[in-house]
Amino acid sequence: MKTTQRLARIAACGVLLLALAACDGMSRRDKDTAIGAAVGGVAGSVLTGGDAVGTVGGAVVGGVIGNQVGKPEKNR
């Protein structure tokens, strides 16, 4: 069963990478958000042993971080 889960995760990551490669019309900030969500989801899954809540939580946190990385600073 663990082998099947690993293969499913690898396949999901491959599909996600292909989907991100097709995002040519996205802004830089949108791309950063999507990449952050993908990386966060994978990290959350790994850290929680594949728990769905950990995966979704990691994706949310990663998406927020990715969105804020390229945000221009306000003038002071």
PDB file of N, CA and C in Angstrom:
ATOM      1  N   MET A   1       0.820  -1.190   0.000  1.00  0.00           N
ATOM      2  CA  MET A   1       0.000   0.000   0.000  1.00  0.00           C
ATOM      3  C   MET A   1       0.867   1.258   0.000  1.00  0.00           C
ATOM      4  N   LYS A   2       1.962   1.251   0.708  1.00  0.00           N
ATOM      5  CA  LYS A   2       2.829   2.429   0.744  1.00  0.00           C
ATOM      6  C   LYS A   2       3.405   2.713  -0.629  1.00  0.00           C
ATOM      7  N   THR A   3       3.719   1.683  -1.397  1.00  0.00           N
ATOM      8  CA  THR A   3       4.244   1.882  -2.742  1.00  0.00           C
ATOM      9  C   THR A   3       3.196   2.548  -3.620  1.00  0.00           C
ATOM     10  N   THR A   4       1.958   2.146  -3.493  1.00  0.00           N
ATOM     11  CA  THR A   4       0.878   2.750  -4.271  1.00  0.00           C
ATOM     12  C   THR A   4       0.694   4.213  -3.902  1.00  0.00           C
ATOM     13  N   GLN A   5       0.775   4.532  -2.624  1.00  0.00           N
ATOM     14  CA  GLN A   5       0.640   5.918  -2.190  1.00  0.00           C
ATOM     15  C   GLN A   5       1.797   6.770  -2.717  1.00  0.00           C
ATOM     16  N   ARG A   6       2.981   6.229  -2.692  1.00  0.00           N
ATOM     17  CA  ARG A   6       4.136   6.966  -3.211  1.00  0.00           C
ATOM     18  C   ARG A   6       3.994   7.234  -4.698  1.00  0.00           C
ATOM     19  N   LEU A   7       3.561   6.225  -5.438  1.00  0.00           N
ATOM     20  CA  LEU A   7       3.368   6.407  -6.874  1.00  0.00           C
ATOM     21  C   LEU A   7       2.282   7.438  -7.155  1.00  0.00           C
ATOM     22  N   ALA A   8       1.236   7.423  -6.355  1.00  0.00           N
ATOM     23  CA  ALA A   8       0.163   8.403  -6.529  1.00  0.00           C
ATOM     24  C   ALA A   8       0.676   9.814  -6.260  1.00  0.00           C
ATOM     25  N   ARG A   9       1.492   9.976  -5.237  1.00  0.00           N
ATOM     26  CA  ARG A   9       2.052  11.297  -4.936  1.00  0.00           C
ATOM     27  C   ARG A   9       2.977  11.772  -6.047  1.00  0.00           C
ATOM     28  N   ILE A  10       3.796  10.874  -6.540  1.00  0.00           N
ATOM     29  CA  ILE A  10       4.706  11.239  -7.630  1.00  0.00           C
ATOM     30  C   ILE A  10       3.915  11.631  -8.868  1.00  0.00           C
ATOM     31  N   ALA A  11       2.871  10.882  -9.178  1.00  0.00           N
ATOM     32  CA  ALA A  11       2.030  11.201 -10.330  1.00  0.00           C
ATOM     33  C   ALA A  11       1.341  12.547 -10.138  1.00  0.00           C
ATOM     34  N   ALA A  12       0.855  12.808  -8.933  1.00  0.00           N
ATOM     35  CA  ALA A  12       0.194  14.086  -8.661  1.00  0.00           C
ATOM     36  C   ALA A  12       1.169  15.243  -8.818  1.00  0.00           C
ATOM     37  N   CYS A  13       2.395  15.067  -8.353  1.00  0.00           N
ATOM     38  CA  CYS A  13       3.407  16.117  -8.516  1.00  0.00           C
ATOM     39  C   CYS A  13       3.725  16.341  -9.987  1.00  0.00           C
ATOM     40  N   GLY A  14       3.794  15.276 -10.759  1.00  0.00           N
ATOM     41  CA  GLY A  14       4.050  15.402 -12.192  1.00  0.00           C
ATOM     42  C   GLY A  14       2.942  16.151 -12.905  1.00  0.00           C
ATOM     43  N   VAL A  15       1.691  15.830 -12.568  1.00  0.00           N
ATOM     44  CA  VAL A  15       0.549  16.519 -13.170  1.00  0.00           C
ATOM     45  C   VAL A  15       0.566  17.994 -12.779  1.00  0.00           C
ATOM     46  N   LEU A  16       0.894  18.261 -11.532  1.00  0.00           N
ATOM     47  CA  LEU A  16       0.950  19.641 -11.066  1.00  0.00           C
ATOM     48  C   LEU A  16       2.033  20.427 -11.808  1.00  0.00           C
ATOM     49  N   LEU A  17       3.179  19.826 -12.010  1.00  0.00           N
ATOM     50  CA  LEU A  17       4.246  20.504 -12.741  1.00  0.00           C
ATOM     51  C   LEU A  17       3.849  20.797 -14.179  1.00  0.00           C
ATOM     52  N   LEU A  18       3.161  19.845 -14.806  1.00  0.00           N
ATOM     53  CA  LEU A  18       2.688  20.082 -16.168  1.00  0.00           C
ATOM     54  C   LEU A  18       1.652  21.199 -16.206  1.00  0.00           C
ATOM     55  N   ALA A  19       0.783  21.224 -15.212  1.00  0.00           N
ATOM     56  CA  ALA A  19      -0.233  22.280 -15.156  1.00  0.00           C
ATOM     57  C   ALA A  19       0.419  23.639 -14.962  1.00  0.00           C
ATOM     58  N   LEU A  20       1.434  23.708 -14.131  1.00  0.00           N
ATOM     59  CA  LEU A  20       2.118  24.979 -13.904  1.00  0.00           C
ATOM     60  C   LEU A  20       2.870  25.435 -15.153  1.00  0.00           C
ATOM     61  N   ALA A  21       3.364  24.489 -15.924  1.00  0.00           N
ATOM     62  CA  ALA A  21       4.073  24.848 -17.152  1.00  0.00           C
ATOM     63  C   ALA A  21       3.116  25.456 -18.176  1.00  0.00           C
ATOM     64  N   ALA A  22       1.836  25.137 -18.069  1.00  0.00           N
ATOM     65  CA  ALA A  22       0.844  25.645 -19.011  1.00  0.00           C
ATOM     66  C   ALA A  22       0.320  27.024 -18.619  1.00  0.00           C
ATOM     67  N   CYS A  23       0.792  27.583 -17.541  1.00  0.00           N
ATOM     68  CA  CYS A  23       0.290  28.864 -17.027  1.00  0.00           C
ATOM     69  C   CYS A  23       1.068  30.032 -17.618  1.00  0.00           C
ATOM     70  N   ASP A  24       1.125  30.102 -18.920  1.00  0.00           N
ATOM     71  CA  ASP A  24       1.947  31.114 -19.575  1.00  0.00           C
ATOM     72  C   ASP A  24       1.361  32.512 -19.454  1.00  0.00           C
ATOM     73  N   GLY A  25       0.039  32.632 -19.373  1.00  0.00           N
ATOM     74  CA  GLY A  25      -0.590  33.939 -19.332  1.00  0.00           C
ATOM     75  C   GLY A  25      -0.736  34.513 -17.931  1.00  0.00           C
ATOM     76  N   MET A  26      -0.211  33.835 -16.940  1.00  0.00           N
ATOM     77  CA  MET A  26      -0.351  34.294 -15.563  1.00  0.00           C
ATOM     78  C   MET A  26       0.677  35.375 -15.254  1.00  0.00           C
ATOM     79  N   SER A  27       0.301  36.256 -14.312  1.00  0.00           N
ATOM     80  CA  SER A  27       1.264  37.257 -13.855  1.00  0.00           C
ATOM     81  C   SER A  27       2.312  36.580 -12.976  1.00  0.00           C
ATOM     82  N   ARG A  28       3.372  37.288 -12.725  1.00  0.00           N
ATOM     83  CA  ARG A  28       4.448  36.740 -11.880  1.00  0.00           C
ATOM     84  C   ARG A  28       3.926  36.429 -10.484  1.00  0.00           C
ATOM     85  N   ARG A  29       3.085  37.287  -9.955  1.00  0.00           N
ATOM     86  CA  ARG A  29       2.540  37.077  -8.609  1.00  0.00           C
ATOM     87  C   ARG A  29       1.627  35.851  -8.573  1.00  0.00           C
ATOM     88  N   ASP A  30       0.824  35.656  -9.638  1.00  0.00           N
ATOM     89  CA  ASP A  30      -0.035  34.471  -9.712  1.00  0.00           C
ATOM     90  C   ASP A  30       0.800  33.195  -9.760  1.00  0.00           C
ATOM     91  N   LYS A  31       1.875  33.241 -10.522  1.00  0.00           N
ATOM     92  CA  LYS A  31       2.760  32.077 -10.604  1.00  0.00           C
ATOM     93  C   LYS A  31       3.406  31.782  -9.253  1.00  0.00           C
ATOM     94  N   ASP A  32       3.858  32.838  -8.568  1.00  0.00           N
ATOM     95  CA  ASP A  32       4.460  32.649  -7.245  1.00  0.00           C
ATOM     96  C   ASP A  32       3.463  32.040  -6.266  1.00  0.00           C
ATOM     97  N   THR A  33       2.196  32.468  -6.356  1.00  0.00           N
ATOM     98  CA  THR A  33       1.155  31.919  -5.488  1.00  0.00           C
ATOM     99  C   THR A  33       0.938  30.439  -5.774  1.00  0.00           C
ATOM    100  N   ALA A  34       0.845  30.085  -7.050  1.00  0.00           N
ATOM    101  CA  ALA A  34       0.625  28.687  -7.426  1.00  0.00           C
ATOM    102  C   ALA A  34       1.814  27.810  -7.025  1.00  0.00           C
ATOM    103  N   ILE A  35       2.996  28.297  -7.251  1.00  0.00           N
ATOM    104  CA  ILE A  35       4.190  27.525  -6.884  1.00  0.00           C
ATOM    105  C   ILE A  35       4.280  27.373  -5.370  1.00  0.00           C
ATOM    106  N   GLY A  36       3.993  28.436  -4.639  1.00  0.00           N
ATOM    107  CA  GLY A  36       4.009  28.360  -3.179  1.00  0.00           C
ATOM    108  C   GLY A  36       2.991  27.360  -2.653  1.00  0.00           C
ATOM    109  N   ALA A  37       1.802  27.355  -3.267  1.00  0.00           N
ATOM    110  CA  ALA A  37       0.775  26.401  -2.845  1.00  0.00           C
ATOM    111  C   ALA A  37       1.202  24.958  -3.140  1.00  0.00           C
ATOM    112  N   ALA A  38       1.821  24.754  -4.288  1.00  0.00           N
ATOM    113  CA  ALA A  38       2.271  23.402  -4.640  1.00  0.00           C
ATOM    114  C   ALA A  38       3.364  22.919  -3.697  1.00  0.00           C
ATOM    115  N   VAL A  39       4.339  23.762  -3.461  1.00  0.00           N
ATOM    116  CA  VAL A  39       5.446  23.386  -2.577  1.00  0.00           C
ATOM    117  C   VAL A  39       4.930  23.188  -1.142  1.00  0.00           C
ATOM    118  N   GLY A  40       4.062  24.082  -0.709  1.00  0.00           N
ATOM    119  CA  GLY A  40       3.492  23.954   0.635  1.00  0.00           C
ATOM    120  C   GLY A  40       2.661  22.696   0.796  1.00  0.00           C
ATOM    121  N   GLY A  41       1.905  22.347  -0.239  1.00  0.00           N
ATOM    122  CA  GLY A  41       1.108  21.122  -0.184  1.00  0.00           C
ATOM    123  C   GLY A  41       1.971  19.878  -0.091  1.00  0.00           C
ATOM    124  N   VAL A  42       3.028  19.845  -0.873  1.00  0.00           N
ATOM    125  CA  VAL A  42       3.945  18.696  -0.812  1.00  0.00           C
ATOM    126  C   VAL A  42       4.634  18.640   0.549  1.00  0.00           C
ATOM    127  N   ALA A  43       5.082  19.784   1.030  1.00  0.00           N
ATOM    128  CA  ALA A  43       5.754  19.818   2.331  1.00  0.00           C
ATOM    129  C   ALA A  43       4.792  19.415   3.449  1.00  0.00           C
ATOM    130  N   GLY A  44       3.563  19.916   3.392  1.00  0.00           N
ATOM    131  CA  GLY A  44       2.577  19.537   4.405  1.00  0.00           C
ATOM    132  C   GLY A  44       2.273  18.059   4.374  1.00  0.00           C
ATOM    133  N   SER A  45       2.211  17.488   3.194  1.00  0.00           N
ATOM    134  CA  SER A  45       1.961  16.056   3.060  1.00  0.00           C
ATOM    135  C   SER A  45       3.110  15.231   3.629  1.00  0.00           C
ATOM    136  N   VAL A  46       4.313  15.645   3.314  1.00  0.00           N
ATOM    137  CA  VAL A  46       5.489  14.920   3.805  1.00  0.00           C
ATOM    138  C   VAL A  46       5.603  15.022   5.319  1.00  0.00           C
ATOM    139  N   LEU A  47       5.409  16.224   5.846  1.00  0.00           N
ATOM    140  CA  LEU A  47       5.575  16.435   7.283  1.00  0.00           C
ATOM    141  C   LEU A  47       4.505  15.741   8.121  1.00  0.00           C
ATOM    142  N   THR A  48       3.309  15.570   7.556  1.00  0.00           N
ATOM    143  CA  THR A  48       2.221  14.936   8.316  1.00  0.00           C
ATOM    144  C   THR A  48       1.973  13.500   7.906  1.00  0.00           C
ATOM    145  N   GLY A  49       2.829  12.956   7.081  1.00  0.00           N
ATOM    146  CA  GLY A  49       2.667  11.561   6.680  1.00  0.00           C
ATOM    147  C   GLY A  49       1.500  11.337   5.745  1.00  0.00           C
ATOM    148  N   GLY A  50       1.148  12.330   4.938  1.00  0.00           N
ATOM    149  CA  GLY A  50       0.079  12.176   3.963  1.00  0.00           C
ATOM    150  C   GLY A  50      -1.299  12.559   4.476  1.00  0.00           C
ATOM    151  N   ASP A  51      -1.366  13.163   5.634  1.00  0.00           N
ATOM    152  CA  ASP A  51      -2.649  13.578   6.197  1.00  0.00           C
ATOM    153  C   ASP A  51      -3.245  14.679   5.327  1.00  0.00           C
ATOM    154  N   ALA A  52      -4.535  14.573   5.011  1.00  0.00           N
ATOM    155  CA  ALA A  52      -5.186  15.538   4.124  1.00  0.00           C
ATOM    156  C   ALA A  52      -5.197  16.939   4.728  1.00  0.00           C
ATOM    157  N   VAL A  53      -5.434  17.035   6.027  1.00  0.00           N
ATOM    158  CA  VAL A  53      -5.467  18.346   6.674  1.00  0.00           C
ATOM    159  C   VAL A  53      -4.092  19.010   6.598  1.00  0.00           C
ATOM    160  N   GLY A  54      -3.048  18.247   6.812  1.00  0.00           N
ATOM    161  CA  GLY A  54      -1.693  18.786   6.721  1.00  0.00           C
ATOM    162  C   GLY A  54      -1.348  19.220   5.309  1.00  0.00           C
ATOM    163  N   THR A  55      -1.805  18.455   4.317  1.00  0.00           N
ATOM    164  CA  THR A  55      -1.540  18.796   2.925  1.00  0.00           C
ATOM    165  C   THR A  55      -2.250  20.085   2.533  1.00  0.00           C
ATOM    166  N   VAL A  56      -3.523  20.187   2.881  1.00  0.00           N
ATOM    167  CA  VAL A  56      -4.287  21.390   2.552  1.00  0.00           C
ATOM    168  C   VAL A  56      -3.752  22.593   3.328  1.00  0.00           C
ATOM    169  N   GLY A  57      -3.443  22.395   4.598  1.00  0.00           N
ATOM    170  CA  GLY A  57      -2.884  23.477   5.397  1.00  0.00           C
ATOM    171  C   GLY A  57      -1.569  23.969   4.834  1.00  0.00           C
ATOM    172  N   GLY A  58      -0.720  23.046   4.416  1.00  0.00           N
ATOM    173  CA  GLY A  58       0.559  23.424   3.811  1.00  0.00           C
ATOM    174  C   GLY A  58       0.364  24.178   2.511  1.00  0.00           C
ATOM    175  N   ALA A  59      -0.626  23.759   1.722  1.00  0.00           N
ATOM    176  CA  ALA A  59      -0.906  24.447   0.466  1.00  0.00           C
ATOM    177  C   ALA A  59      -1.398  25.874   0.708  1.00  0.00           C
ATOM    178  N   VAL A  60      -2.244  26.031   1.713  1.00  0.00           N
ATOM    179  CA  VAL A  60      -2.757  27.374   2.027  1.00  0.00           C
ATOM    180  C   VAL A  60      -1.625  28.286   2.491  1.00  0.00           C
ATOM    181  N   VAL A  61      -0.829  27.796   3.415  1.00  0.00           N
ATOM    182  CA  VAL A  61       0.276  28.607   3.936  1.00  0.00           C
ATOM    183  C   VAL A  61       1.278  28.911   2.825  1.00  0.00           C
ATOM    184  N   GLY A  62       1.605  27.919   2.019  1.00  0.00           N
ATOM    185  CA  GLY A  62       2.538  28.135   0.912  1.00  0.00           C
ATOM    186  C   GLY A  62       2.005  29.122  -0.107  1.00  0.00           C
ATOM    187  N   GLY A  63       0.704  29.051  -0.395  1.00  0.00           N
ATOM    188  CA  GLY A  63       0.101  29.993  -1.326  1.00  0.00           C
ATOM    189  C   GLY A  63       0.154  31.425  -0.827  1.00  0.00           C
ATOM    190  N   VAL A  64      -0.107  31.604   0.451  1.00  0.00           N
ATOM    191  CA  VAL A  64      -0.050  32.953   1.040  1.00  0.00           C
ATOM    192  C   VAL A  64       1.375  33.484   1.001  1.00  0.00           C
ATOM    193  N   ILE A  65       2.319  32.653   1.361  1.00  0.00           N
ATOM    194  CA  ILE A  65       3.720  33.080   1.341  1.00  0.00           C
ATOM    195  C   ILE A  65       4.154  33.409  -0.085  1.00  0.00           C
ATOM    196  N   GLY A  66       3.802  32.540  -1.041  1.00  0.00           N
ATOM    197  CA  GLY A  66       4.146  32.795  -2.434  1.00  0.00           C
ATOM    198  C   GLY A  66       3.529  34.072  -2.959  1.00  0.00           C
ATOM    199  N   ASN A  67       2.315  34.368  -2.536  1.00  0.00           N
ATOM    200  CA  ASN A  67       1.632  35.586  -2.958  1.00  0.00           C
ATOM    201  C   ASN A  67       2.306  36.835  -2.398  1.00  0.00           C
ATOM    202  N   GLN A  68       2.811  36.746  -1.198  1.00  0.00           N
ATOM    203  CA  GLN A  68       3.388  37.915  -0.540  1.00  0.00           C
ATOM    204  C   GLN A  68       4.860  38.145  -0.894  1.00  0.00           C
ATOM    205  N   VAL A  69       5.525  37.155  -1.460  1.00  0.00           N
ATOM    206  CA  VAL A  69       6.949  37.275  -1.762  1.00  0.00           C
ATOM    207  C   VAL A  69       7.219  38.410  -2.746  1.00  0.00           C
ATOM    208  N   GLY A  70       6.447  38.508  -3.802  1.00  0.00           N
ATOM    209  CA  GLY A  70       6.708  39.514  -4.821  1.00  0.00           C
ATOM    210  C   GLY A  70       5.920  40.789  -4.637  1.00  0.00           C
ATOM    211  N   LYS A  71       5.284  40.946  -3.525  1.00  0.00           N
ATOM    212  CA  LYS A  71       4.444  42.120  -3.284  1.00  0.00           C
ATOM    213  C   LYS A  71       5.332  43.355  -3.120  1.00  0.00           C
ATOM    214  N   PRO A  72       5.031  44.416  -3.878  1.00  0.00           N
ATOM    215  CA  PRO A  72       5.850  45.626  -3.731  1.00  0.00           C
ATOM    216  C   PRO A  72       5.618  46.288  -2.381  1.00  0.00           C
ATOM    217  N   GLU A  73       6.688  46.864  -1.842  1.00  0.00           N
ATOM    218  CA  GLU A  73       6.581  47.544  -0.536  1.00  0.00           C
ATOM    219  C   GLU A  73       5.919  48.902  -0.733  1.00  0.00           C
ATOM    220  N   LYS A  74       5.147  49.304   0.250  1.00  0.00           N
ATOM    221  CA  LYS A  74       4.508  50.610   0.206  1.00  0.00           C
ATOM    222  C   LYS A  74       5.537  51.684   0.531  1.00  0.00           C
ATOM    223  N   ASN A  75       5.371  52.838  -0.068  1.00  0.00           N
ATOM    224  CA  ASN A  75       6.266  53.971   0.239  1.00  0.00           C
ATOM    225  C   ASN A  75       5.986  54.465   1.645  1.00  0.00           C
ATOM    226  N   ARG A  76       7.007  54.820   2.344  1.00  0.00           N
ATOM    227  CA  ARG A  76       6.839  55.274   3.728  1.00  0.00           C
ATOM    228  C   ARG A  76       6.793  56.751   3.820  1.00  0.00           C
TER     229      ARG A  76
END
